[in-house]
Amino acid sequence: DTDRALVLLEEYCKKLRKPEEQQLKKAIRKVMGIFKSSLFQALLGSFKKKATRHGTTSHTSLPEALACDVLGCPKD
């Protein structure tokens, strides 16, 4: 699911070409770096374990939900 969020963010970054969009592009690249970090992956694993124990898992992952919130997701 993190991979899907990274794909969405990368696709969005490719569309950011105007000079005024470069700050946003830089911020998105930072988020992508965080998603790829081992610390984030460990925290995400812990979050998933806790959510599973409490029965609060959902179809959409946290990173994908964040990416969709920022970018908008295609409707199924």
PDB file of N, CA and C in Angstrom:
ATOM      1  N   ASP A   1       0.811  -1.199   0.000  1.00  0.00           N
ATOM      2  CA  ASP A   1       0.000   0.000   0.000  1.00  0.00           C
ATOM      3  C   ASP A   1       0.857   1.266   0.000  1.00  0.00           C
ATOM      4  N   THR A   2       1.970   1.197   0.705  1.00  0.00           N
ATOM      5  CA  THR A   2       2.891   2.328   0.683  1.00  0.00           C
ATOM      6  C   THR A   2       3.421   2.531  -0.734  1.00  0.00           C
ATOM      7  N   ASP A   3       3.661   1.418  -1.412  1.00  0.00           N
ATOM      8  CA  ASP A   3       4.136   1.505  -2.790  1.00  0.00           C
ATOM      9  C   ASP A   3       3.119   2.210  -3.681  1.00  0.00           C
ATOM     10  N   ARG A   4       1.852   1.929  -3.478  1.00  0.00           N
ATOM     11  CA  ARG A   4       0.785   2.578  -4.261  1.00  0.00           C
ATOM     12  C   ARG A   4       0.779   4.087  -3.984  1.00  0.00           C
ATOM     13  N   ALA A   5       0.927   4.462  -2.724  1.00  0.00           N
ATOM     14  CA  ALA A   5       0.967   5.882  -2.371  1.00  0.00           C
ATOM     15  C   ALA A   5       2.164   6.560  -3.028  1.00  0.00           C
ATOM     16  N   LEU A   6       3.304   5.883  -3.044  1.00  0.00           N
ATOM     17  CA  LEU A   6       4.496   6.448  -3.670  1.00  0.00           C
ATOM     18  C   LEU A   6       4.306   6.617  -5.175  1.00  0.00           C
ATOM     19  N   VAL A   7       3.636   5.663  -5.804  1.00  0.00           N
ATOM     20  CA  VAL A   7       3.354   5.773  -7.236  1.00  0.00           C
ATOM     21  C   VAL A   7       2.465   6.986  -7.501  1.00  0.00           C
ATOM     22  N   LEU A   8       1.427   7.161  -6.686  1.00  0.00           N
ATOM     23  CA  LEU A   8       0.526   8.306  -6.853  1.00  0.00           C
ATOM     24  C   LEU A   8       1.270   9.628  -6.670  1.00  0.00           C
ATOM     25  N   LEU A   9       2.107   9.684  -5.662  1.00  0.00           N
ATOM     26  CA  LEU A   9       2.865  10.912  -5.414  1.00  0.00           C
ATOM     27  C   LEU A   9       3.852  11.188  -6.545  1.00  0.00           C
ATOM     28  N   GLU A  10       4.510  10.154  -7.036  1.00  0.00           N
ATOM     29  CA  GLU A  10       5.462  10.327  -8.139  1.00  0.00           C
ATOM     30  C   GLU A  10       4.752  10.817  -9.399  1.00  0.00           C
ATOM     31  N   GLU A  11       3.597  10.245  -9.697  1.00  0.00           N
ATOM     32  CA  GLU A  11       2.819  10.684 -10.858  1.00  0.00           C
ATOM     33  C   GLU A  11       2.428  12.158 -10.728  1.00  0.00           C
ATOM     34  N   TYR A  12       2.025  12.547  -9.540  1.00  0.00           N
ATOM     35  CA  TYR A  12       1.642  13.936  -9.307  1.00  0.00           C
ATOM     36  C   TYR A  12       2.843  14.864  -9.467  1.00  0.00           C
ATOM     37  N   CYS A  13       3.994  14.446  -8.934  1.00  0.00           N
ATOM     38  CA  CYS A  13       5.208  15.273  -9.036  1.00  0.00           C
ATOM     39  C   CYS A  13       5.597  15.518 -10.485  1.00  0.00           C
ATOM     40  N   LYS A  14       5.404  14.539 -11.332  1.00  0.00           N
ATOM     41  CA  LYS A  14       5.748  14.684 -12.745  1.00  0.00           C
ATOM     42  C   LYS A  14       4.925  15.780 -13.419  1.00  0.00           C
ATOM     43  N   LYS A  15       3.749  16.059 -12.874  1.00  0.00           N
ATOM     44  CA  LYS A  15       2.867  17.080 -13.445  1.00  0.00           C
ATOM     45  C   LYS A  15       3.219  18.488 -12.973  1.00  0.00           C
ATOM     46  N   LEU A  16       4.038  18.576 -11.950  1.00  0.00           N
ATOM     47  CA  LEU A  16       4.406  19.879 -11.380  1.00  0.00           C
ATOM     48  C   LEU A  16       5.610  20.442 -12.113  1.00  0.00           C
ATOM     49  N   ARG A  17       5.360  21.346 -13.051  1.00  0.00           N
ATOM     50  CA  ARG A  17       6.444  21.889 -13.873  1.00  0.00           C
ATOM     51  C   ARG A  17       6.595  23.402 -13.743  1.00  0.00           C
ATOM     52  N   LYS A  18       5.556  24.071 -13.313  1.00  0.00           N
ATOM     53  CA  LYS A  18       5.598  25.529 -13.228  1.00  0.00           C
ATOM     54  C   LYS A  18       6.509  25.959 -12.085  1.00  0.00           C
ATOM     55  N   PRO A  19       7.159  27.103 -12.225  1.00  0.00           N
ATOM     56  CA  PRO A  19       8.051  27.586 -11.165  1.00  0.00           C
ATOM     57  C   PRO A  19       7.349  27.703  -9.799  1.00  0.00           C
ATOM     58  N   GLU A  20       6.108  28.141  -9.810  1.00  0.00           N
ATOM     59  CA  GLU A  20       5.388  28.310  -8.538  1.00  0.00           C
ATOM     60  C   GLU A  20       4.993  26.975  -7.896  1.00  0.00           C
ATOM     61  N   GLU A  21       5.145  25.874  -8.631  1.00  0.00           N
ATOM     62  CA  GLU A  21       4.805  24.548  -8.102  1.00  0.00           C
ATOM     63  C   GLU A  21       6.018  23.812  -7.534  1.00  0.00           C
ATOM     64  N   GLN A  22       7.188  24.400  -7.668  1.00  0.00           N
ATOM     65  CA  GLN A  22       8.412  23.708  -7.262  1.00  0.00           C
ATOM     66  C   GLN A  22       8.519  23.521  -5.753  1.00  0.00           C
ATOM     67  N   GLN A  23       7.977  24.452  -4.989  1.00  0.00           N
ATOM     68  CA  GLN A  23       7.992  24.305  -3.531  1.00  0.00           C
ATOM     69  C   GLN A  23       7.113  23.124  -3.127  1.00  0.00           C
ATOM     70  N   LEU A  24       5.959  22.982  -3.755  1.00  0.00           N
ATOM     71  CA  LEU A  24       5.079  21.846  -3.491  1.00  0.00           C
ATOM     72  C   LEU A  24       5.762  20.541  -3.899  1.00  0.00           C
ATOM     73  N   LYS A  25       6.421  20.550  -5.042  1.00  0.00           N
ATOM     74  CA  LYS A  25       7.127  19.365  -5.523  1.00  0.00           C
ATOM     75  C   LYS A  25       8.209  18.942  -4.521  1.00  0.00           C
ATOM     76  N   LYS A  26       8.925  19.913  -3.989  1.00  0.00           N
ATOM     77  CA  LYS A  26       9.971  19.631  -3.004  1.00  0.00           C
ATOM     78  C   LYS A  26       9.364  19.017  -1.739  1.00  0.00           C
ATOM     79  N   ALA A  27       8.236  19.549  -1.297  1.00  0.00           N
ATOM     80  CA  ALA A  27       7.569  19.032  -0.097  1.00  0.00           C
ATOM     81  C   ALA A  27       7.075  17.602  -0.328  1.00  0.00           C
ATOM     82  N   ILE A  28       6.527  17.339  -1.500  1.00  0.00           N
ATOM     83  CA  ILE A  28       6.042  15.993  -1.815  1.00  0.00           C
ATOM     84  C   ILE A  28       7.207  15.012  -1.851  1.00  0.00           C
ATOM     85  N   ARG A  29       8.325  15.443  -2.397  1.00  0.00           N
ATOM     86  CA  ARG A  29       9.509  14.571  -2.431  1.00  0.00           C
ATOM     87  C   ARG A  29       9.994  14.253  -1.007  1.00  0.00           C
ATOM     88  N   LYS A  30       9.870  15.206  -0.090  1.00  0.00           N
ATOM     89  CA  LYS A  30      10.219  14.942   1.313  1.00  0.00           C
ATOM     90  C   LYS A  30       9.300  13.885   1.901  1.00  0.00           C
ATOM     91  N   VAL A  31       8.000  14.003   1.619  1.00  0.00           N
ATOM     92  CA  VAL A  31       7.031  13.018   2.104  1.00  0.00           C
ATOM     93  C   VAL A  31       7.371  11.641   1.536  1.00  0.00           C
ATOM     94  N   MET A  32       7.720  11.602   0.261  1.00  0.00           N
ATOM     95  CA  MET A  32       8.094  10.335  -0.364  1.00  0.00           C
ATOM     96  C   MET A  32       9.307   9.721   0.334  1.00  0.00           C
ATOM     97  N   GLY A  33      10.265  10.556   0.689  1.00  0.00           N
ATOM     98  CA  GLY A  33      11.435  10.076   1.415  1.00  0.00           C
ATOM     99  C   GLY A  33      11.063   9.498   2.770  1.00  0.00           C
ATOM    100  N   ILE A  34      10.120  10.148   3.427  1.00  0.00           N
ATOM    101  CA  ILE A  34       9.648   9.647   4.717  1.00  0.00           C
ATOM    102  C   ILE A  34       8.971   8.297   4.544  1.00  0.00           C
ATOM    103  N   PHE A  35       8.101   8.182   3.529  1.00  0.00           N
ATOM    104  CA  PHE A  35       7.416   6.914   3.280  1.00  0.00           C
ATOM    105  C   PHE A  35       8.414   5.782   3.025  1.00  0.00           C
ATOM    106  N   LYS A  36       9.543   6.102   2.408  1.00  0.00           N
ATOM    107  CA  LYS A  36      10.545   5.090   2.081  1.00  0.00           C
ATOM    108  C   LYS A  36      11.453   4.752   3.260  1.00  0.00           C
ATOM    109  N   SER A  37      11.441   5.583   4.293  1.00  0.00           N
ATOM    110  CA  SER A  37      12.366   5.395   5.407  1.00  0.00           C
ATOM    111  C   SER A  37      12.030   4.151   6.225  1.00  0.00           C
ATOM    112  N   SER A  38      13.077   3.568   6.786  1.00  0.00           N
ATOM    113  CA  SER A  38      12.890   2.376   7.615  1.00  0.00           C
ATOM    114  C   SER A  38      12.114   2.717   8.889  1.00  0.00           C
ATOM    115  N   LEU A  39      12.289   3.919   9.423  1.00  0.00           N
ATOM    116  CA  LEU A  39      11.549   4.324  10.618  1.00  0.00           C
ATOM    117  C   LEU A  39      10.046   4.364  10.324  1.00  0.00           C
ATOM    118  N   PHE A  40       9.658   4.973   9.205  1.00  0.00           N
ATOM    119  CA  PHE A  40       8.246   5.039   8.846  1.00  0.00           C
ATOM    120  C   PHE A  40       7.680   3.642   8.648  1.00  0.00           C
ATOM    121  N   GLN A  41       8.430   2.788   7.972  1.00  0.00           N
ATOM    122  CA  GLN A  41       7.963   1.424   7.726  1.00  0.00           C
ATOM    123  C   GLN A  41       7.772   0.670   9.043  1.00  0.00           C
ATOM    124  N   ALA A  42       8.672   0.882   9.986  1.00  0.00           N
ATOM    125  CA  ALA A  42       8.542   0.240  11.297  1.00  0.00           C
ATOM    126  C   ALA A  42       7.325   0.766  12.047  1.00  0.00           C
ATOM    127  N   LEU A  43       7.132   2.081  12.014  1.00  0.00           N
ATOM    128  CA  LEU A  43       5.960   2.666  12.678  1.00  0.00           C
ATOM    129  C   LEU A  43       4.668   2.197  12.026  1.00  0.00           C
ATOM    130  N   LEU A  44       4.671   2.106  10.721  1.00  0.00           N
ATOM    131  CA  LEU A  44       3.495   1.636   9.990  1.00  0.00           C
ATOM    132  C   LEU A  44       3.188   0.192  10.358  1.00  0.00           C
ATOM    133  N   GLY A  45       4.218  -0.625  10.452  1.00  0.00           N
ATOM    134  CA  GLY A  45       4.025  -2.020  10.864  1.00  0.00           C
ATOM    135  C   GLY A  45       3.431  -2.103  12.252  1.00  0.00           C
ATOM    136  N   SER A  46       3.903  -1.266  13.165  1.00  0.00           N
ATOM    137  CA  SER A  46       3.378  -1.224  14.531  1.00  0.00           C
ATOM    138  C   SER A  46       1.924  -0.769  14.529  1.00  0.00           C
ATOM    139  N   PHE A  47       1.624   0.247  13.713  1.00  0.00           N
ATOM    140  CA  PHE A  47       0.261   0.763  13.605  1.00  0.00           C
ATOM    141  C   PHE A  47      -0.680  -0.323  13.089  1.00  0.00           C
ATOM    142  N   LYS A  48      -0.230  -1.058  12.072  1.00  0.00           N
ATOM    143  CA  LYS A  48      -1.064  -2.111  11.493  1.00  0.00           C
ATOM    144  C   LYS A  48      -1.334  -3.219  12.501  1.00  0.00           C
ATOM    145  N   LYS A  49      -0.297  -3.599  13.260  1.00  0.00           N
ATOM    146  CA  LYS A  49      -0.467  -4.641  14.283  1.00  0.00           C
ATOM    147  C   LYS A  49      -1.482  -4.197  15.329  1.00  0.00           C
ATOM    148  N   LYS A  50      -1.352  -2.952  15.776  1.00  0.00           N
ATOM    149  CA  LYS A  50      -2.261  -2.427  16.796  1.00  0.00           C
ATOM    150  C   LYS A  50      -3.685  -2.342  16.249  1.00  0.00           C
ATOM    151  N   ALA A  51      -3.843  -1.879  15.022  1.00  0.00           N
ATOM    152  CA  ALA A  51      -5.164  -1.759  14.416  1.00  0.00           C
ATOM    153  C   ALA A  51      -5.806  -3.128  14.240  1.00  0.00           C
ATOM    154  N   THR A  52      -5.002  -4.104  13.869  1.00  0.00           N
ATOM    155  CA  THR A  52      -5.520  -5.463  13.701  1.00  0.00           C
ATOM    156  C   THR A  52      -5.996  -6.023  15.038  1.00  0.00           C
ATOM    157  N   ARG A  53      -5.233  -5.785  16.090  1.00  0.00           N
ATOM    158  CA  ARG A  53      -5.628  -6.261  17.428  1.00  0.00           C
ATOM    159  C   ARG A  53      -6.945  -5.637  17.870  1.00  0.00           C
ATOM    160  N   HIS A  54      -7.166  -4.378  17.484  1.00  0.00           N
ATOM    161  CA  HIS A  54      -8.371  -3.669  17.904  1.00  0.00           C
ATOM    162  C   HIS A  54      -9.495  -3.788  16.882  1.00  0.00           C
ATOM    163  N   GLY A  55      -9.248  -4.507  15.808  1.00  0.00           N
ATOM    164  CA  GLY A  55     -10.282  -4.707  14.793  1.00  0.00           C
ATOM    165  C   GLY A  55     -10.643  -3.456  14.023  1.00  0.00           C
ATOM    166  N   THR A  56      -9.673  -2.556  13.852  1.00  0.00           N
ATOM    167  CA  THR A  56      -9.970  -1.288  13.174  1.00  0.00           C
ATOM    168  C   THR A  56      -9.264  -1.160  11.833  1.00  0.00           C
ATOM    169  N   THR A  57      -8.905  -2.294  11.223  1.00  0.00           N
ATOM    170  CA  THR A  57      -8.257  -2.212   9.925  1.00  0.00           C
ATOM    171  C   THR A  57      -9.280  -1.867   8.863  1.00  0.00           C
ATOM    172  N   SER A  58      -8.817  -1.244   7.821  1.00  0.00           N
ATOM    173  CA  SER A  58      -9.701  -0.911   6.710  1.00  0.00           C
ATOM    174  C   SER A  58      -9.004  -1.264   5.416  1.00  0.00           C
ATOM    175  N   HIS A  59      -9.711  -1.173   4.325  1.00  0.00           N
ATOM    176  CA  HIS A  59      -9.161  -1.520   3.015  1.00  0.00           C
ATOM    177  C   HIS A  59      -8.045  -0.567   2.610  1.00  0.00           C
ATOM    178  N   THR A  60      -8.192   0.692   2.897  1.00  0.00           N
ATOM    179  CA  THR A  60      -7.218   1.698   2.482  1.00  0.00           C
ATOM    180  C   THR A  60      -6.115   1.816   3.529  1.00  0.00           C
ATOM    181  N   SER A  61      -4.871   1.795   3.085  1.00  0.00           N
ATOM    182  CA  SER A  61      -3.745   1.931   3.990  1.00  0.00           C
ATOM    183  C   SER A  61      -3.573   3.390   4.391  1.00  0.00           C
ATOM    184  N   LEU A  62      -2.842   3.614   5.460  1.00  0.00           N
ATOM    185  CA  LEU A  62      -2.567   4.971   5.915  1.00  0.00           C
ATOM    186  C   LEU A  62      -1.823   5.783   4.861  1.00  0.00           C
ATOM    187  N   PRO A  63      -0.711   5.289   4.274  1.00  0.00           N
ATOM    188  CA  PRO A  63      -0.025   6.100   3.265  1.00  0.00           C
ATOM    189  C   PRO A  63      -0.889   6.362   2.032  1.00  0.00           C
ATOM    190  N   GLU A  64      -1.623   5.353   1.601  1.00  0.00           N
ATOM    191  CA  GLU A  64      -2.477   5.548   0.429  1.00  0.00           C
ATOM    192  C   GLU A  64      -3.581   6.544   0.741  1.00  0.00           C
ATOM    193  N   ALA A  65      -4.134   6.475   1.952  1.00  0.00           N
ATOM    194  CA  ALA A  65      -5.176   7.419   2.344  1.00  0.00           C
ATOM    195  C   ALA A  65      -4.633   8.843   2.361  1.00  0.00           C
ATOM    196  N   LEU A  66      -3.400   9.017   2.845  1.00  0.00           N
ATOM    197  CA  LEU A  66      -2.790  10.343   2.860  1.00  0.00           C
ATOM    198  C   LEU A  66      -2.564  10.859   1.444  1.00  0.00           C
ATOM    199  N   ALA A  67      -2.051   9.995   0.575  1.00  0.00           N
ATOM    200  CA  ALA A  67      -1.817  10.404  -0.804  1.00  0.00           C
ATOM    201  C   ALA A  67      -3.130  10.749  -1.493  1.00  0.00           C
ATOM    202  N   CYS A  68      -4.156   9.947  -1.258  1.00  0.00           N
ATOM    203  CA  CYS A  68      -5.459  10.207  -1.875  1.00  0.00           C
ATOM    204  C   CYS A  68      -6.065  11.496  -1.342  1.00  0.00           C
ATOM    205  N   ASP A  69      -5.831  11.778  -0.073  1.00  0.00           N
ATOM    206  CA  ASP A  69      -6.355  13.008   0.510  1.00  0.00           C
ATOM    207  C   ASP A  69      -5.724  14.222  -0.166  1.00  0.00           C
ATOM    208  N   VAL A  70      -4.426  14.130  -0.452  1.00  0.00           N
ATOM    209  CA  VAL A  70      -3.726  15.243  -1.089  1.00  0.00           C
ATOM    210  C   VAL A  70      -4.032  15.324  -2.568  1.00  0.00           C
ATOM    211  N   LEU A  71      -4.029  14.193  -3.248  1.00  0.00           N
ATOM    212  CA  LEU A  71      -4.111  14.173  -4.704  1.00  0.00           C
ATOM    213  C   LEU A  71      -5.503  13.908  -5.252  1.00  0.00           C
ATOM    214  N   GLY A  72      -6.356  13.315  -4.433  1.00  0.00           N
ATOM    215  CA  GLY A  72      -7.619  12.832  -4.933  1.00  0.00           C
ATOM    216  C   GLY A  72      -7.394  11.473  -5.572  1.00  0.00           C
ATOM    217  N   CYS A  73      -8.282  10.555  -5.333  1.00  0.00           N
ATOM    218  CA  CYS A  73      -8.127   9.211  -5.888  1.00  0.00           C
ATOM    219  C   CYS A  73      -9.201   8.930  -6.913  1.00  0.00           C
ATOM    220  N   PRO A  74      -8.844   8.129  -7.904  1.00  0.00           N
ATOM    221  CA  PRO A  74      -9.860   7.740  -8.888  1.00  0.00           C
ATOM    222  C   PRO A  74     -10.943   6.902  -8.213  1.00  0.00           C
ATOM    223  N   LYS A  75     -12.150   7.107  -8.635  1.00  0.00           N
ATOM    224  CA  LYS A  75     -13.268   6.337  -8.077  1.00  0.00           C
ATOM    225  C   LYS A  75     -13.297   4.965  -8.742  1.00  0.00           C
ATOM    226  N   ASP A  76     -13.519   3.924  -7.925  1.00  0.00           N
ATOM    227  CA  ASP A  76     -13.603   2.548  -8.463  1.00  0.00           C
ATOM    228  C   ASP A  76     -14.870   2.333  -9.226  1.00  0.00           C
TER     229      ASP A  76
END
